[in-house]
Amino acid sequence: MTGINFTPTIAAMNFKDLLHQLKELGYTQTAVAQAVGSPISTINDLANGKTETPSFDLGTALVALHAKASAPKPKRKAAKEKA
Protein backbone atom coordinates (compact mmCIF):
# COMPACT_ATOMS: atom_id res chain seq x y z
CA MET A 1 0.00 0.00 0.00
CA THR A 2 1.19 3.49 -0.68
CA GLY A 3 0.55 6.69 1.20
CA ILE A 4 0.30 5.00 4.59
CA ASN A 5 2.83 5.85 7.26
CA PHE A 6 3.35 3.34 10.05
CA THR A 7 3.84 4.85 13.48
CA PRO A 8 4.55 2.53 16.42
CA THR A 9 1.74 2.53 18.93
CA ILE A 10 2.19 3.80 22.45
CA ALA A 11 1.70 0.23 23.71
CA ALA A 12 4.73 -0.98 21.73
CA MET A 13 7.12 1.51 23.35
CA ASN A 14 9.47 0.75 26.22
CA PHE A 15 8.73 3.51 28.71
CA LYS A 16 11.24 2.22 31.23
CA ASP A 17 13.99 2.92 28.67
CA LEU A 18 12.43 6.24 27.67
CA LEU A 19 12.43 7.39 31.31
CA HIS A 20 16.02 6.20 31.72
CA GLN A 21 16.99 8.32 28.72
CA LEU A 22 15.19 11.34 30.20
CA LYS A 23 17.15 10.78 33.41
CA GLU A 24 20.40 10.80 31.39
CA LEU A 25 19.23 14.10 29.87
CA GLY A 26 18.94 15.58 33.37
CA TYR A 27 15.27 15.02 34.20
CA THR A 28 14.32 13.77 37.65
CA GLN A 29 11.16 11.72 38.09
CA THR A 30 9.63 14.75 39.83
CA ALA A 31 10.46 16.98 36.85
CA VAL A 32 9.00 14.44 34.42
CA ALA A 33 5.83 14.11 36.50
CA GLN A 34 5.39 17.89 36.61
CA ALA A 35 6.08 18.27 32.89
CA VAL A 36 3.47 15.68 31.88
CA GLY A 37 0.94 16.36 34.65
CA SER A 38 1.14 12.93 36.25
CA PRO A 39 1.64 11.71 39.82
CA ILE A 40 5.25 10.91 40.70
CA SER A 41 4.16 7.42 41.76
CA THR A 42 2.94 6.71 38.22
CA ILE A 43 6.27 7.83 36.74
CA ASN A 44 8.12 5.75 39.34
CA ASP A 45 6.04 2.66 38.48
CA LEU A 46 6.90 3.09 34.79
CA ALA A 47 10.59 3.69 35.53
CA ASN A 48 10.81 0.58 37.69
CA GLY A 49 8.84 -1.64 35.30
CA LYS A 50 5.98 -2.13 37.75
CA THR A 51 3.71 -0.64 35.07
CA GLU A 52 4.71 -1.29 31.46
CA THR A 53 2.13 0.73 29.53
CA PRO A 54 0.77 4.12 30.56
CA SER A 55 -2.52 5.60 29.45
CA PHE A 56 -2.53 6.90 25.90
CA ASP A 57 -2.49 10.53 27.07
CA LEU A 58 0.42 9.97 29.44
CA GLY A 59 2.32 7.93 26.87
CA THR A 60 1.86 10.66 24.29
CA ALA A 61 3.03 13.32 26.75
CA LEU A 62 6.12 11.29 27.66
CA VAL A 63 7.03 10.76 24.01
CA ALA A 64 6.62 14.51 23.35
CA LEU A 65 8.77 15.40 26.37
CA HIS A 66 11.47 12.97 25.24
CA ALA A 67 11.42 14.41 21.72
CA LYS A 68 11.74 17.94 23.08
CA ALA A 69 14.50 17.00 25.54
CA SER A 70 16.57 15.10 22.99
CA ALA A 71 16.19 17.59 20.13
CA PRO A 72 19.40 19.32 19.08
CA LYS A 73 19.85 22.66 20.78
CA PRO A 74 20.37 25.70 18.54
CA LYS A 75 23.91 27.02 18.57
CA ARG A 76 24.46 30.37 20.21
CA LYS A 77 26.30 33.04 18.33
CA ALA A 78 29.51 34.13 19.99
CA ALA A 79 29.31 37.58 21.54
CA LYS A 80 31.26 40.19 19.63
CA GLU A 81 34.26 41.45 21.49
CA LYS A 82 34.54 45.18 22.06
CA ALA A 83 37.61 46.75 20.51
PDB file of N, CA and C in Angstrom:
ATOM      1  N   MET A   1       0.839  -1.178   0.000  1.00  0.00           N
ATOM      2  CA  MET A   1       0.000   0.000   0.000  1.00  0.00           C
ATOM      3  C   MET A   1       0.887   1.245   0.000  1.00  0.00           C
ATOM      4  N   THR A   2       0.428   2.253  -0.656  1.00  0.00           N
ATOM      5  CA  THR A   2       1.190   3.491  -0.680  1.00  0.00           C
ATOM      6  C   THR A   2       0.435   4.566   0.068  1.00  0.00           C
ATOM      7  N   GLY A   3       1.169   5.566   0.521  1.00  0.00           N
ATOM      8  CA  GLY A   3       0.546   6.687   1.203  1.00  0.00           C
ATOM      9  C   GLY A   3       0.193   6.438   2.654  1.00  0.00           C
ATOM     10  N   ILE A   4       0.598   5.295   3.188  1.00  0.00           N
ATOM     11  CA  ILE A   4       0.299   5.002   4.588  1.00  0.00           C
ATOM     12  C   ILE A   4       1.607   4.994   5.366  1.00  0.00           C
ATOM     13  N   ASN A   5       1.646   5.810   6.398  1.00  0.00           N
ATOM     14  CA  ASN A   5       2.830   5.846   7.261  1.00  0.00           C
ATOM     15  C   ASN A   5       2.563   5.009   8.494  1.00  0.00           C
ATOM     16  N   PHE A   6       3.497   4.147   8.842  1.00  0.00           N
ATOM     17  CA  PHE A   6       3.348   3.342  10.046  1.00  0.00           C
ATOM     18  C   PHE A   6       4.026   4.051  11.203  1.00  0.00           C
ATOM     19  N   THR A   7       3.286   4.269  12.269  1.00  0.00           N
ATOM     20  CA  THR A   7       3.836   4.852  13.482  1.00  0.00           C
ATOM     21  C   THR A   7       3.639   3.839  14.602  1.00  0.00           C
ATOM     22  N   PRO A   8       4.710   3.494  15.318  1.00  0.00           N
ATOM     23  CA  PRO A   8       4.547   2.534  16.415  1.00  0.00           C
ATOM     24  C   PRO A   8       3.523   3.035  17.424  1.00  0.00           C
ATOM     25  N   THR A   9       2.742   2.133  17.947  1.00  0.00           N
ATOM     26  CA  THR A   9       1.744   2.530  18.927  1.00  0.00           C
ATOM     27  C   THR A   9       2.398   2.776  20.270  1.00  0.00           C
ATOM     28  N   ILE A  10       1.701   3.519  21.102  1.00  0.00           N
ATOM     29  CA  ILE A  10       2.193   3.796  22.445  1.00  0.00           C
ATOM     30  C   ILE A  10       2.444   2.489  23.193  1.00  0.00           C
ATOM     31  N   ALA A  11       1.581   1.507  22.998  1.00  0.00           N
ATOM     32  CA  ALA A  11       1.701   0.234  23.714  1.00  0.00           C
ATOM     33  C   ALA A  11       2.981  -0.511  23.353  1.00  0.00           C
ATOM     34  N   ALA A  12       3.538  -0.260  22.169  1.00  0.00           N
ATOM     35  CA  ALA A  12       4.729  -0.976  21.727  1.00  0.00           C
ATOM     36  C   ALA A  12       6.021  -0.334  22.227  1.00  0.00           C
ATOM     37  N   MET A  13       5.929   0.801  22.898  1.00  0.00           N
ATOM     38  CA  MET A  13       7.120   1.509  23.346  1.00  0.00           C
ATOM     39  C   MET A  13       7.616   0.965  24.688  1.00  0.00           C
ATOM     40  N   ASN A  14       8.892   1.137  24.935  1.00  0.00           N
ATOM     41  CA  ASN A  14       9.466   0.752  26.218  1.00  0.00           C
ATOM     42  C   ASN A  14       9.643   2.025  27.050  1.00  0.00           C
ATOM     43  N   PHE A  15       8.705   2.270  27.936  1.00  0.00           N
ATOM     44  CA  PHE A  15       8.727   3.509  28.711  1.00  0.00           C
ATOM     45  C   PHE A  15       9.777   3.485  29.813  1.00  0.00           C
ATOM     46  N   LYS A  16      10.162   2.311  30.249  1.00  0.00           N
ATOM     47  CA  LYS A  16      11.243   2.222  31.226  1.00  0.00           C
ATOM     48  C   LYS A  16      12.526   2.785  30.604  1.00  0.00           C
ATOM     49  N   ASP A  17      12.814   2.398  29.366  1.00  0.00           N
ATOM     50  CA  ASP A  17      13.994   2.916  28.668  1.00  0.00           C
ATOM     51  C   ASP A  17      13.849   4.404  28.378  1.00  0.00           C
ATOM     52  N   LEU A  18      12.666   4.824  27.964  1.00  0.00           N
ATOM     53  CA  LEU A  18      12.426   6.241  27.668  1.00  0.00           C
ATOM     54  C   LEU A  18      12.685   7.090  28.911  1.00  0.00           C
ATOM     55  N   LEU A  19      12.206   6.646  30.066  1.00  0.00           N
ATOM     56  CA  LEU A  19      12.427   7.390  31.312  1.00  0.00           C
ATOM     57  C   LEU A  19      13.905   7.365  31.713  1.00  0.00           C
ATOM     58  N   HIS A  20      14.579   6.260  31.441  1.00  0.00           N
ATOM     59  CA  HIS A  20      16.019   6.197  31.715  1.00  0.00           C
ATOM     60  C   HIS A  20      16.764   7.221  30.854  1.00  0.00           C
ATOM     61  N   GLN A  21      16.369   7.342  29.597  1.00  0.00           N
ATOM     62  CA  GLN A  21      16.995   8.325  28.715  1.00  0.00           C
ATOM     63  C   GLN A  21      16.719   9.746  29.196  1.00  0.00           C
ATOM     64  N   LEU A  22      15.492  10.008  29.658  1.00  0.00           N
ATOM     65  CA  LEU A  22      15.187  11.336  30.198  1.00  0.00           C
ATOM     66  C   LEU A  22      16.051  11.628  31.423  1.00  0.00           C
ATOM     67  N   LYS A  23      16.281  10.609  32.246  1.00  0.00           N
ATOM     68  CA  LYS A  23      17.154  10.785  33.413  1.00  0.00           C
ATOM     69  C   LYS A  23      18.566  11.152  32.968  1.00  0.00           C
ATOM     70  N   GLU A  24      19.065  10.487  31.920  1.00  0.00           N
ATOM     71  CA  GLU A  24      20.397  10.804  31.394  1.00  0.00           C
ATOM     72  C   GLU A  24      20.455  12.219  30.831  1.00  0.00           C
ATOM     73  N   LEU A  25      19.303  12.741  30.400  1.00  0.00           N
ATOM     74  CA  LEU A  25      19.234  14.101  29.871  1.00  0.00           C
ATOM     75  C   LEU A  25      19.035  15.133  30.977  1.00  0.00           C
ATOM     76  N   GLY A  26      19.005  14.665  32.241  1.00  0.00           N
ATOM     77  CA  GLY A  26      18.941  15.579  33.369  1.00  0.00           C
ATOM     78  C   GLY A  26      17.581  15.722  34.033  1.00  0.00           C
ATOM     79  N   TYR A  27      16.607  14.930  33.610  1.00  0.00           N
ATOM     80  CA  TYR A  27      15.272  15.016  34.203  1.00  0.00           C
ATOM     81  C   TYR A  27      15.152  14.083  35.409  1.00  0.00           C
ATOM     82  N   THR A  28      14.650  14.611  36.505  1.00  0.00           N
ATOM     83  CA  THR A  28      14.316  13.773  37.650  1.00  0.00           C
ATOM     84  C   THR A  28      12.904  13.231  37.426  1.00  0.00           C
ATOM     85  N   GLN A  29      12.523  12.234  38.197  1.00  0.00           N
ATOM     86  CA  GLN A  29      11.159  11.724  38.093  1.00  0.00           C
ATOM     87  C   GLN A  29      10.152  12.809  38.473  1.00  0.00           C
ATOM     88  N   THR A  30      10.512  13.636  39.429  1.00  0.00           N
ATOM     89  CA  THR A  30       9.635  14.745  39.831  1.00  0.00           C
ATOM     90  C   THR A  30       9.455  15.719  38.671  1.00  0.00           C
ATOM     91  N   ALA A  31      10.534  16.052  37.980  1.00  0.00           N
ATOM     92  CA  ALA A  31      10.459  16.978  36.848  1.00  0.00           C
ATOM     93  C   ALA A  31       9.623  16.389  35.713  1.00  0.00           C
ATOM     94  N   VAL A  32       9.791  15.102  35.454  1.00  0.00           N
ATOM     95  CA  VAL A  32       8.998  14.439  34.416  1.00  0.00           C
ATOM     96  C   VAL A  32       7.524  14.480  34.792  1.00  0.00           C
ATOM     97  N   ALA A  33       7.224  14.124  36.040  1.00  0.00           N
ATOM     98  CA  ALA A  33       5.833  14.112  36.500  1.00  0.00           C
ATOM     99  C   ALA A  33       5.191  15.489  36.348  1.00  0.00           C
ATOM    100  N   GLN A  34       5.913  16.523  36.736  1.00  0.00           N
ATOM    101  CA  GLN A  34       5.386  17.886  36.609  1.00  0.00           C
ATOM    102  C   GLN A  34       5.192  18.270  35.149  1.00  0.00           C
ATOM    103  N   ALA A  35       6.137  17.898  34.305  1.00  0.00           N
ATOM    104  CA  ALA A  35       6.076  18.270  32.888  1.00  0.00           C
ATOM    105  C   ALA A  35       4.908  17.615  32.164  1.00  0.00           C
ATOM    106  N   VAL A  36       4.549  16.397  32.579  1.00  0.00           N
ATOM    107  CA  VAL A  36       3.474  15.682  31.885  1.00  0.00           C
ATOM    108  C   VAL A  36       2.167  15.670  32.672  1.00  0.00           C
ATOM    109  N   GLY A  37       2.167  16.283  33.857  1.00  0.00           N
ATOM    110  CA  GLY A  37       0.942  16.355  34.653  1.00  0.00           C
ATOM    111  C   GLY A  37       0.486  15.018  35.207  1.00  0.00           C
ATOM    112  N   SER A  38       1.431  14.271  35.728  1.00  0.00           N
ATOM    113  CA  SER A  38       1.141  12.930  36.251  1.00  0.00           C
ATOM    114  C   SER A  38       1.689  12.805  37.672  1.00  0.00           C
ATOM    115  N   PRO A  39       1.078  11.943  38.484  1.00  0.00           N
ATOM    116  CA  PRO A  39       1.644  11.710  39.820  1.00  0.00           C
ATOM    117  C   PRO A  39       3.051  11.099  39.728  1.00  0.00           C
ATOM    118  N   ILE A  40       3.895  11.465  40.666  1.00  0.00           N
ATOM    119  CA  ILE A  40       5.254  10.914  40.703  1.00  0.00           C
ATOM    120  C   ILE A  40       5.211   9.391  40.837  1.00  0.00           C
ATOM    121  N   SER A  41       4.252   8.879  41.580  1.00  0.00           N
ATOM    122  CA  SER A  41       4.160   7.425  41.764  1.00  0.00           C
ATOM    123  C   SER A  41       3.930   6.709  40.435  1.00  0.00           C
ATOM    124  N   THR A  42       3.192   7.311  39.536  1.00  0.00           N
ATOM    125  CA  THR A  42       2.944   6.708  38.222  1.00  0.00           C
ATOM    126  C   THR A  42       4.235   6.671  37.412  1.00  0.00           C
ATOM    127  N   ILE A  43       4.991   7.765  37.452  1.00  0.00           N
ATOM    128  CA  ILE A  43       6.270   7.827  36.738  1.00  0.00           C
ATOM    129  C   ILE A  43       7.238   6.818  37.343  1.00  0.00           C
ATOM    130  N   ASN A  44       7.261   6.711  38.663  1.00  0.00           N
ATOM    131  CA  ASN A  44       8.120   5.747  39.343  1.00  0.00           C
ATOM    132  C   ASN A  44       7.761   4.316  38.950  1.00  0.00           C
ATOM    133  N   ASP A  45       6.471   4.013  38.881  1.00  0.00           N
ATOM    134  CA  ASP A  45       6.037   2.662  38.482  1.00  0.00           C
ATOM    135  C   ASP A  45       6.489   2.336  37.058  1.00  0.00           C
ATOM    136  N   LEU A  46       6.424   3.305  36.164  1.00  0.00           N
ATOM    137  CA  LEU A  46       6.899   3.093  34.795  1.00  0.00           C
ATOM    138  C   LEU A  46       8.412   2.918  34.763  1.00  0.00           C
ATOM    139  N   ALA A  47       9.128   3.745  35.514  1.00  0.00           N
ATOM    140  CA  ALA A  47      10.590   3.692  35.530  1.00  0.00           C
ATOM    141  C   ALA A  47      11.110   2.382  36.103  1.00  0.00           C
ATOM    142  N   ASN A  48      10.382   1.823  37.048  1.00  0.00           N
ATOM    143  CA  ASN A  48      10.811   0.579  37.688  1.00  0.00           C
ATOM    144  C   ASN A  48      10.231  -0.672  37.037  1.00  0.00           C
ATOM    145  N   GLY A  49       9.415  -0.491  35.995  1.00  0.00           N
ATOM    146  CA  GLY A  49       8.844  -1.635  35.300  1.00  0.00           C
ATOM    147  C   GLY A  49       7.624  -2.233  35.972  1.00  0.00           C
ATOM    148  N   LYS A  50       7.169  -1.625  37.067  1.00  0.00           N
ATOM    149  CA  LYS A  50       5.976  -2.131  37.747  1.00  0.00           C
ATOM    150  C   LYS A  50       4.756  -1.983  36.834  1.00  0.00           C
ATOM    151  N   THR A  51       4.729  -0.878  36.092  1.00  0.00           N
ATOM    152  CA  THR A  51       3.710  -0.640  35.066  1.00  0.00           C
ATOM    153  C   THR A  51       4.451  -0.551  33.745  1.00  0.00           C
ATOM    154  N   GLU A  52       4.013  -1.302  32.748  1.00  0.00           N
ATOM    155  CA  GLU A  52       4.708  -1.289  31.465  1.00  0.00           C
ATOM    156  C   GLU A  52       4.111  -0.308  30.468  1.00  0.00           C
ATOM    157  N   THR A  53       2.797  -0.114  30.526  1.00  0.00           N
ATOM    158  CA  THR A  53       2.133   0.728  29.531  1.00  0.00           C
ATOM    159  C   THR A  53       1.279   1.785  30.216  1.00  0.00           C
ATOM    160  N   PRO A  54       1.579   3.048  29.978  1.00  0.00           N
ATOM    161  CA  PRO A  54       0.773   4.121  30.563  1.00  0.00           C
ATOM    162  C   PRO A  54      -0.507   4.333  29.751  1.00  0.00           C
ATOM    163  N   SER A  55      -1.347   5.220  30.230  1.00  0.00           N
ATOM    164  CA  SER A  55      -2.521   5.602  29.447  1.00  0.00           C
ATOM    165  C   SER A  55      -2.032   6.250  28.152  1.00  0.00           C
ATOM    166  N   PHE A  56      -2.910   6.304  27.171  1.00  0.00           N
ATOM    167  CA  PHE A  56      -2.526   6.897  25.896  1.00  0.00           C
ATOM    168  C   PHE A  56      -2.073   8.345  26.080  1.00  0.00           C
ATOM    169  N   ASP A  57      -2.837   9.112  26.864  1.00  0.00           N
ATOM    170  CA  ASP A  57      -2.491  10.528  27.066  1.00  0.00           C
ATOM    171  C   ASP A  57      -1.133  10.692  27.739  1.00  0.00           C
ATOM    172  N   LEU A  58      -0.871   9.889  28.766  1.00  0.00           N
ATOM    173  CA  LEU A  58       0.419   9.970  29.445  1.00  0.00           C
ATOM    174  C   LEU A  58       1.537   9.512  28.517  1.00  0.00           C
ATOM    175  N   GLY A  59       1.318   8.430  27.800  1.00  0.00           N
ATOM    176  CA  GLY A  59       2.325   7.934  26.866  1.00  0.00           C
ATOM    177  C   GLY A  59       2.671   8.968  25.810  1.00  0.00           C
ATOM    178  N   THR A  60       1.648   9.618  25.287  1.00  0.00           N
ATOM    179  CA  THR A  60       1.860  10.660  24.286  1.00  0.00           C
ATOM    180  C   THR A  60       2.651  11.823  24.873  1.00  0.00           C
ATOM    181  N   ALA A  61       2.321  12.221  26.100  1.00  0.00           N
ATOM    182  CA  ALA A  61       3.029  13.321  26.755  1.00  0.00           C
ATOM    183  C   ALA A  61       4.495  12.952  27.024  1.00  0.00           C
ATOM    184  N   LEU A  62       4.745  11.726  27.412  1.00  0.00           N
ATOM    185  CA  LEU A  62       6.119  11.288  27.661  1.00  0.00           C
ATOM    186  C   LEU A  62       6.940  11.262  26.372  1.00  0.00           C
ATOM    187  N   VAL A  63       6.333  10.788  25.299  1.00  0.00           N
ATOM    188  CA  VAL A  63       7.027  10.761  24.008  1.00  0.00           C
ATOM    189  C   VAL A  63       7.349  12.190  23.562  1.00  0.00           C
ATOM    190  N   ALA A  64       6.404  13.106  23.729  1.00  0.00           N
ATOM    191  CA  ALA A  64       6.619  14.505  23.346  1.00  0.00           C
ATOM    192  C   ALA A  64       7.730  15.138  24.191  1.00  0.00           C
ATOM    193  N   LEU A  65       7.724  14.869  25.493  1.00  0.00           N
ATOM    194  CA  LEU A  65       8.772  15.401  26.368  1.00  0.00           C
ATOM    195  C   LEU A  65      10.137  14.857  25.959  1.00  0.00           C
ATOM    196  N   HIS A  66      10.209  13.577  25.663  1.00  0.00           N
ATOM    197  CA  HIS A  66      11.466  12.967  25.244  1.00  0.00           C
ATOM    198  C   HIS A  66      11.957  13.586  23.943  1.00  0.00           C
ATOM    199  N   ALA A  67      11.045  13.802  22.994  1.00  0.00           N
ATOM    200  CA  ALA A  67      11.423  14.413  21.719  1.00  0.00           C
ATOM    201  C   ALA A  67      11.965  15.822  21.936  1.00  0.00           C
ATOM    202  N   LYS A  68      11.302  16.576  22.796  1.00  0.00           N
ATOM    203  CA  LYS A  68      11.741  17.940  23.084  1.00  0.00           C
ATOM    204  C   LYS A  68      13.101  17.938  23.782  1.00  0.00           C
ATOM    205  N   ALA A  69      13.265  17.043  24.755  1.00  0.00           N
ATOM    206  CA  ALA A  69      14.503  16.997  25.542  1.00  0.00           C
ATOM    207  C   ALA A  69      15.694  16.521  24.719  1.00  0.00           C
ATOM    208  N   SER A  70      15.463  15.657  23.757  1.00  0.00           N
ATOM    209  CA  SER A  70      16.574  15.097  22.989  1.00  0.00           C
ATOM    210  C   SER A  70      16.804  15.808  21.655  1.00  0.00           C
ATOM    211  N   ALA A  71      16.008  16.832  21.374  1.00  0.00           N
ATOM    212  CA  ALA A  71      16.194  17.594  20.133  1.00  0.00           C
ATOM    213  C   ALA A  71      17.492  18.384  20.205  1.00  0.00           C
ATOM    214  N   PRO A  72      18.168  18.524  19.084  1.00  0.00           N
ATOM    215  CA  PRO A  72      19.404  19.317  19.081  1.00  0.00           C
ATOM    216  C   PRO A  72      19.118  20.755  19.498  1.00  0.00           C
ATOM    217  N   LYS A  73      19.993  21.280  20.307  1.00  0.00           N
ATOM    218  CA  LYS A  73      19.850  22.659  20.777  1.00  0.00           C
ATOM    219  C   LYS A  73      20.446  23.603  19.739  1.00  0.00           C
ATOM    220  N   PRO A  74      19.788  24.746  19.495  1.00  0.00           N
ATOM    221  CA  PRO A  74      20.365  25.700  18.544  1.00  0.00           C
ATOM    222  C   PRO A  74      21.684  26.255  19.073  1.00  0.00           C
ATOM    223  N   LYS A  75      22.607  26.477  18.174  1.00  0.00           N
ATOM    224  CA  LYS A  75      23.912  27.016  18.574  1.00  0.00           C
ATOM    225  C   LYS A  75      23.778  28.505  18.830  1.00  0.00           C
ATOM    226  N   ARG A  76      24.437  28.950  19.884  1.00  0.00           N
ATOM    227  CA  ARG A  76      24.459  30.374  20.210  1.00  0.00           C
ATOM    228  C   ARG A  76      25.563  31.051  19.404  1.00  0.00           C
ATOM    229  N   LYS A  77      25.279  32.261  18.988  1.00  0.00           N
ATOM    230  CA  LYS A  77      26.304  33.042  18.327  1.00  0.00           C
ATOM    231  C   LYS A  77      27.248  33.600  19.379  1.00  0.00           C
ATOM    232  N   ALA A  78      28.523  33.589  19.068  1.00  0.00           N
ATOM    233  CA  ALA A  78      29.515  34.129  19.991  1.00  0.00           C
ATOM    234  C   ALA A  78      29.316  35.639  20.113  1.00  0.00           C
ATOM    235  N   ALA A  79      29.446  36.127  21.307  1.00  0.00           N
ATOM    236  CA  ALA A  79      29.311  37.575  21.542  1.00  0.00           C
ATOM    237  C   ALA A  79      30.479  38.281  20.892  1.00  0.00           C
ATOM    238  N   LYS A  80      30.192  39.407  20.254  1.00  0.00           N
ATOM    239  CA  LYS A  80      31.256  40.188  19.626  1.00  0.00           C
ATOM    240  C   LYS A  80      32.083  40.884  20.704  1.00  0.00           C
ATOM    241  N   GLU A  81      33.372  40.797  20.531  1.00  0.00           N
ATOM    242  CA  GLU A  81      34.255  41.447  21.495  1.00  0.00           C
ATOM    243  C   GLU A  81      34.347  42.930  21.185  1.00  0.00           C
ATOM    244  N   LYS A  82      34.393  43.729  22.237  1.00  0.00           N
ATOM    245  CA  LYS A  82      34.540  45.175  22.063  1.00  0.00           C
ATOM    246  C   LYS A  82      36.009  45.495  21.793  1.00  0.00           C
ATOM    247  N   ALA A  83      36.241  46.404  20.870  1.00  0.00           N
ATOM    248  CA  ALA A  83      37.613  46.754  20.505  1.00  0.00           C
ATOM    249  C   ALA A  83      38.172  47.826  21.408  1.00  0.00           C
TER     250      ALA A  83
END
